[in-house]
């Protein structure tokens, strides 16, 4: 499946929640803690190819996700993404280890998920900032971003690992 998304950094979490709900967005997942671990080969093959393999746990569920290299786009992050629910995190970790994949990066965030039409709106609270993640068709992303008071100039294409590393360098 092709994923099209942008992030927008926000400062006022209560204000943005009010704006999201005033647009008629439906809360589809209450705020919960997500733990994310990226896996790669010791030679960093996935990282070098701009790909990612992530194991995410949230609400007693786990998902393994492969993300392909980003496609060219000036304003949007576009990449192939394949995800499957994992029944046993213990067993999937053993499988990954046997394949010689090792954990390379870990991060946590609190996420709430809203939906308006076919657009997914995630409100992510991280240790390095609060972000909206808008995922769907480009025209819907732009339309909802503008309705929330944001312009394309505020779109962020970086993933959370890149953002975290960028902020570490600045501090």
C-alpha atoms as a PDB file:
ATOM      1  CA  UNK A   1       0.000   0.000   0.000  1.00  0.00           C
ATOM      2  CA  UNK A   2       1.259   3.491  -0.768  1.00  0.00           C
ATOM      3  CA  UNK A   3       1.313   5.783   2.247  1.00  0.00           C
ATOM      4  CA  UNK A   4       1.082   9.556   1.707  1.00  0.00           C
ATOM      5  CA  UNK A   5       1.576  11.717   4.786  1.00  0.00           C
ATOM      6  CA  UNK A   6       2.912  14.907   6.317  1.00  0.00           C
ATOM      7  CA  UNK A   7       3.663  15.997   9.841  1.00  0.00           C
ATOM      8  CA  UNK A   8       2.997  19.436  11.288  1.00  0.00           C
ATOM      9  CA  UNK A   9       4.489  20.562  14.583  1.00  0.00           C
ATOM     10  CA  UNK A  10       1.980  22.093  16.957  1.00  0.00           C
ATOM     11  CA  UNK A  11       2.249  24.008  20.219  1.00  0.00           C
ATOM     12  CA  UNK A  12      -1.322  24.036  21.593  1.00  0.00           C
ATOM     13  CA  UNK A  13      -2.612  20.467  22.012  1.00  0.00           C
ATOM     14  CA  UNK A  14      -6.020  21.448  23.448  1.00  0.00           C
ATOM     15  CA  UNK A  15      -6.551  24.024  20.711  1.00  0.00           C
ATOM     16  CA  UNK A  16      -5.754  21.545  17.933  1.00  0.00           C
ATOM     17  CA  UNK A  17      -8.046  18.895  19.442  1.00  0.00           C
ATOM     18  CA  UNK A  18     -10.877  21.462  19.456  1.00  0.00           C
ATOM     19  CA  UNK A  19     -10.173  22.348  15.816  1.00  0.00           C
ATOM     20  CA  UNK A  20     -10.012  18.679  14.765  1.00  0.00           C
ATOM     21  CA  UNK A  21     -13.328  17.837  16.414  1.00  0.00           C
ATOM     22  CA  UNK A  22     -14.979  21.034  15.108  1.00  0.00           C
ATOM     23  CA  UNK A  23     -14.250  19.769  11.581  1.00  0.00           C
ATOM     24  CA  UNK A  24     -16.363  16.700  12.384  1.00  0.00           C
ATOM     25  CA  UNK A  25     -13.458  14.301  12.809  1.00  0.00           C
ATOM     26  CA  UNK A  26     -14.274  11.159  14.757  1.00  0.00           C
ATOM     27  CA  UNK A  27     -11.968   9.901  17.519  1.00  0.00           C
ATOM     28  CA  UNK A  28     -11.210   6.318  16.525  1.00  0.00           C
ATOM     29  CA  UNK A  29      -8.450   5.558  19.039  1.00  0.00           C
ATOM     30  CA  UNK A  30      -7.988   7.168  22.428  1.00  0.00           C
ATOM     31  CA  UNK A  31      -4.575   8.411  23.519  1.00  0.00           C
ATOM     32  CA  UNK A  32      -2.292   5.458  24.187  1.00  0.00           C
ATOM     33  CA  UNK A  33       1.406   4.779  24.530  1.00  0.00           C
ATOM     34  CA  UNK A  34       3.173   3.307  21.509  1.00  0.00           C
ATOM     35  CA  UNK A  35       6.606   1.729  21.760  1.00  0.00           C
ATOM     36  CA  UNK A  36       8.507   1.558  18.491  1.00  0.00           C
ATOM     37  CA  UNK A  37      11.664  -0.410  17.727  1.00  0.00           C
ATOM     38  CA  UNK A  38      13.437  -0.245  14.393  1.00  0.00           C
ATOM     39  CA  UNK A  39      15.360  -3.291  13.224  1.00  0.00           C
ATOM     40  CA  UNK A  40      18.170  -3.509  10.701  1.00  0.00           C
ATOM     41  CA  UNK A  41      21.005  -5.751   9.656  1.00  0.00           C
ATOM     42  CA  UNK A  42      24.389  -5.165  11.336  1.00  0.00           C
ATOM     43  CA  UNK A  43      25.652  -3.586   8.086  1.00  0.00           C
ATOM     44  CA  UNK A  44      22.662  -1.165   8.139  1.00  0.00           C
ATOM     45  CA  UNK A  45      21.393  -2.364   4.769  1.00  0.00           C
ATOM     46  CA  UNK A  46      17.838  -1.093   5.369  1.00  0.00           C
ATOM     47  CA  UNK A  47      19.046   2.304   6.588  1.00  0.00           C
ATOM     48  CA  UNK A  48      21.341   2.695   3.578  1.00  0.00           C
ATOM     49  CA  UNK A  49      18.425   1.884   1.253  1.00  0.00           C
ATOM     50  CA  UNK A  50      16.196   4.400   3.133  1.00  0.00           C
ATOM     51  CA  UNK A  51      13.926   1.552   4.202  1.00  0.00           C
ATOM     52  CA  UNK A  52      12.667   0.660   7.668  1.00  0.00           C
ATOM     53  CA  UNK A  53      11.426  -2.374   9.568  1.00  0.00           C
ATOM     54  CA  UNK A  54       9.493  -1.407  12.691  1.00  0.00           C
ATOM     55  CA  UNK A  55       7.955  -3.397  15.514  1.00  0.00           C
ATOM     56  CA  UNK A  56       5.282  -1.326  17.278  1.00  0.00           C
ATOM     57  CA  UNK A  57       3.397  -2.268  20.423  1.00  0.00           C
ATOM     58  CA  UNK A  58       0.316  -0.386  21.616  1.00  0.00           C
ATOM     59  CA  UNK A  59      -2.687  -1.420  23.685  1.00  0.00           C
ATOM     60  CA  UNK A  60      -1.479  -5.020  24.058  1.00  0.00           C
ATOM     61  CA  UNK A  61      -1.239  -5.341  20.261  1.00  0.00           C
ATOM     62  CA  UNK A  62       1.862  -5.485  18.106  1.00  0.00           C
ATOM     63  CA  UNK A  63       2.469  -4.717  14.452  1.00  0.00           C
ATOM     64  CA  UNK A  64       5.439  -5.384  12.188  1.00  0.00           C
ATOM     65  CA  UNK A  65       5.765  -2.771   9.444  1.00  0.00           C
ATOM     66  CA  UNK A  66       8.071  -2.530   6.443  1.00  0.00           C
ATOM     67  CA  UNK A  67       8.493   0.918   4.919  1.00  0.00           C
ATOM     68  CA  UNK A  68      10.040   1.306   1.490  1.00  0.00           C
ATOM     69  CA  UNK A  69      12.287   4.136   0.362  1.00  0.00           C
ATOM     70  CA  UNK A  70      10.534   7.516   0.080  1.00  0.00           C
ATOM     71  CA  UNK A  71       9.422   8.528  -3.399  1.00  0.00           C
ATOM     72  CA  UNK A  72      10.240  11.944  -4.806  1.00  0.00           C
ATOM     73  CA  UNK A  73       7.858  14.647  -3.629  1.00  0.00           C
ATOM     74  CA  UNK A  74       8.479  18.241  -2.563  1.00  0.00           C
ATOM     75  CA  UNK A  75       5.799  18.459   0.124  1.00  0.00           C
ATOM     76  CA  UNK A  76       4.663  14.917   0.986  1.00  0.00           C
ATOM     77  CA  UNK A  77       6.304  11.797   2.369  1.00  0.00           C
ATOM     78  CA  UNK A  78       5.289   9.007   0.009  1.00  0.00           C
ATOM     79  CA  UNK A  79       6.427   5.426   0.441  1.00  0.00           C
ATOM     80  CA  UNK A  80       5.256   1.857   0.182  1.00  0.00           C
ATOM     81  CA  UNK A  81       4.199   0.404   3.509  1.00  0.00           C
ATOM     82  CA  UNK A  82       3.243  -3.146   4.460  1.00  0.00           C
ATOM     83  CA  UNK A  83       1.988  -3.945   7.938  1.00  0.00           C
ATOM     84  CA  UNK A  84       0.769  -7.041   9.723  1.00  0.00           C
ATOM     85  CA  UNK A  85      -0.440  -7.672  13.238  1.00  0.00           C
ATOM     86  CA  UNK A  86       1.869  -9.890  15.266  1.00  0.00           C
ATOM     87  CA  UNK A  87       0.351 -12.432  17.644  1.00  0.00           C
ATOM     88  CA  UNK A  88       3.535 -13.011  19.665  1.00  0.00           C
ATOM     89  CA  UNK A  89       6.117 -10.266  20.106  1.00  0.00           C
ATOM     90  CA  UNK A  90       8.366 -12.816  21.829  1.00  0.00           C
ATOM     91  CA  UNK A  91       8.328 -15.074  18.759  1.00  0.00           C
ATOM     92  CA  UNK A  92       8.691 -12.257  16.218  1.00  0.00           C
ATOM     93  CA  UNK A  93      11.747 -10.981  18.105  1.00  0.00           C
ATOM     94  CA  UNK A  94      13.223 -14.493  17.915  1.00  0.00           C
ATOM     95  CA  UNK A  95      12.510 -14.630  14.173  1.00  0.00           C
ATOM     96  CA  UNK A  96      14.114 -11.219  13.620  1.00  0.00           C
ATOM     97  CA  UNK A  97      17.162 -12.295  15.632  1.00  0.00           C
ATOM     98  CA  UNK A  98      17.495 -15.520  13.620  1.00  0.00           C
ATOM     99  CA  UNK A  99      17.397 -13.410  10.449  1.00  0.00           C
ATOM    100  CA  UNK A 100      20.287 -11.427  11.936  1.00  0.00           C
ATOM    101  CA  UNK A 101      18.188  -8.290  12.360  1.00  0.00           C
ATOM    102  CA  UNK A 102      19.034  -6.245  15.437  1.00  0.00           C
ATOM    103  CA  UNK A 103      17.249  -3.406  17.239  1.00  0.00           C
ATOM    104  CA  UNK A 104      18.835  -0.147  16.092  1.00  0.00           C
ATOM    105  CA  UNK A 105      16.547   2.579  17.394  1.00  0.00           C
ATOM    106  CA  UNK A 106      13.767   2.831  19.972  1.00  0.00           C
ATOM    107  CA  UNK A 107      11.306   5.584  20.730  1.00  0.00           C
ATOM    108  CA  UNK A 108       7.975   6.071  22.486  1.00  0.00           C
ATOM    109  CA  UNK A 109       5.078   8.384  21.817  1.00  0.00           C
ATOM    110  CA  UNK A 110       1.508   8.899  22.893  1.00  0.00           C
ATOM    111  CA  UNK A 111      -0.898   8.767  19.952  1.00  0.00           C
ATOM    112  CA  UNK A 112      -4.568   9.635  19.481  1.00  0.00           C
ATOM    113  CA  UNK A 113      -6.188   8.842  16.135  1.00  0.00           C
ATOM    114  CA  UNK A 114      -9.019  10.702  14.450  1.00  0.00           C
ATOM    115  CA  UNK A 115     -10.656  10.197  11.062  1.00  0.00           C
ATOM    116  CA  UNK A 116     -12.424  12.632   8.813  1.00  0.00           C
ATOM    117  CA  UNK A 117     -13.749  11.020   5.633  1.00  0.00           C
ATOM    118  CA  UNK A 118     -10.800   8.881   4.438  1.00  0.00           C
ATOM    119  CA  UNK A 119      -8.103  11.044   6.052  1.00  0.00           C
ATOM    120  CA  UNK A 120      -6.369   9.733   9.162  1.00  0.00           C
ATOM    121  CA  UNK A 121      -5.297  12.387  11.664  1.00  0.00           C
ATOM    122  CA  UNK A 122      -2.823  11.293  14.320  1.00  0.00           C
ATOM    123  CA  UNK A 123      -1.950  13.479  17.275  1.00  0.00           C
ATOM    124  CA  UNK A 124       1.494  12.389  18.453  1.00  0.00           C
ATOM    125  CA  UNK A 125       3.111  13.488  21.701  1.00  0.00           C
ATOM    126  CA  UNK A 126       6.844  12.787  21.686  1.00  0.00           C
ATOM    127  CA  UNK A 127       9.735  13.752  23.941  1.00  0.00           C
ATOM    128  CA  UNK A 128      10.881  16.212  21.258  1.00  0.00           C
ATOM    129  CA  UNK A 129       7.580  17.858  20.307  1.00  0.00           C
ATOM    130  CA  UNK A 130       3.896  17.457  19.523  1.00  0.00           C
ATOM    131  CA  UNK A 131       2.943  16.678  15.956  1.00  0.00           C
ATOM    132  CA  UNK A 132      -0.092  16.184  13.775  1.00  0.00           C
ATOM    133  CA  UNK A 133       0.331  13.457  11.206  1.00  0.00           C
ATOM    134  CA  UNK A 134      -2.083  13.681   8.291  1.00  0.00           C
ATOM    135  CA  UNK A 135      -2.309  10.541   6.152  1.00  0.00           C
ATOM    136  CA  UNK A 136      -4.415  10.091   3.042  1.00  0.00           C
ATOM    137  CA  UNK A 137      -4.776  11.596  -0.419  1.00  0.00           C
ATOM    138  CA  UNK A 138      -2.740  14.751  -1.133  1.00  0.00           C
ATOM    139  CA  UNK A 139      -5.751  16.986  -1.797  1.00  0.00           C
ATOM    140  CA  UNK A 140      -7.428  15.862   1.454  1.00  0.00           C
ATOM    141  CA  UNK A 141      -4.234  16.476   3.429  1.00  0.00           C
ATOM    142  CA  UNK A 142      -3.954  20.017   2.054  1.00  0.00           C
ATOM    143  CA  UNK A 143      -7.678  20.730   2.567  1.00  0.00           C
ATOM    144  CA  UNK A 144      -7.717  19.579   6.200  1.00  0.00           C
ATOM    145  CA  UNK A 145      -4.373  21.236   7.000  1.00  0.00           C
ATOM    146  CA  UNK A 146      -5.731  24.556   5.698  1.00  0.00           C
ATOM    147  CA  UNK A 147      -8.981  24.105   7.650  1.00  0.00           C
ATOM    148  CA  UNK A 148      -6.842  23.608  10.780  1.00  0.00           C
ATOM    149  CA  UNK A 149      -4.931  26.815  10.031  1.00  0.00           C
ATOM    150  CA  UNK A 150      -1.731  25.401   8.507  1.00  0.00           C
ATOM    151  CA  UNK A 151      -0.078  25.980   5.135  1.00  0.00           C
ATOM    152  CA  UNK A 152       2.092  23.705   2.994  1.00  0.00           C
ATOM    153  CA  UNK A 153       5.128  25.642   4.290  1.00  0.00           C
ATOM    154  CA  UNK A 154       4.593  23.946   7.642  1.00  0.00           C
ATOM    155  CA  UNK A 155       4.577  20.408   6.214  1.00  0.00           C
ATOM    156  CA  UNK A 156       7.345  18.143   7.528  1.00  0.00           C
ATOM    157  CA  UNK A 157       8.413  15.107   5.486  1.00  0.00           C
ATOM    158  CA  UNK A 158      10.914  13.750   8.009  1.00  0.00           C
ATOM    159  CA  UNK A 159      10.147  10.654  10.067  1.00  0.00           C
ATOM    160  CA  UNK A 160      10.358  10.694  13.860  1.00  0.00           C
ATOM    161  CA  UNK A 161      13.851   9.226  13.941  1.00  0.00           C
ATOM    162  CA  UNK A 162      15.133  11.966  11.627  1.00  0.00           C
ATOM    163  CA  UNK A 163      13.337  14.630  13.669  1.00  0.00           C
ATOM    164  CA  UNK A 164      14.711  13.265  16.935  1.00  0.00           C
ATOM    165  CA  UNK A 165      18.265  13.136  15.598  1.00  0.00           C
ATOM    166  CA  UNK A 166      17.902  16.634  14.112  1.00  0.00           C
ATOM    167  CA  UNK A 167      16.783  18.008  17.474  1.00  0.00           C
ATOM    168  CA  UNK A 168      19.640  16.242  19.303  1.00  0.00           C
ATOM    169  CA  UNK A 169      22.154  17.962  17.021  1.00  0.00           C
ATOM    170  CA  UNK A 170      20.620  21.390  17.710  1.00  0.00           C
ATOM    171  CA  UNK A 171      20.654  20.887  21.510  1.00  0.00           C
END
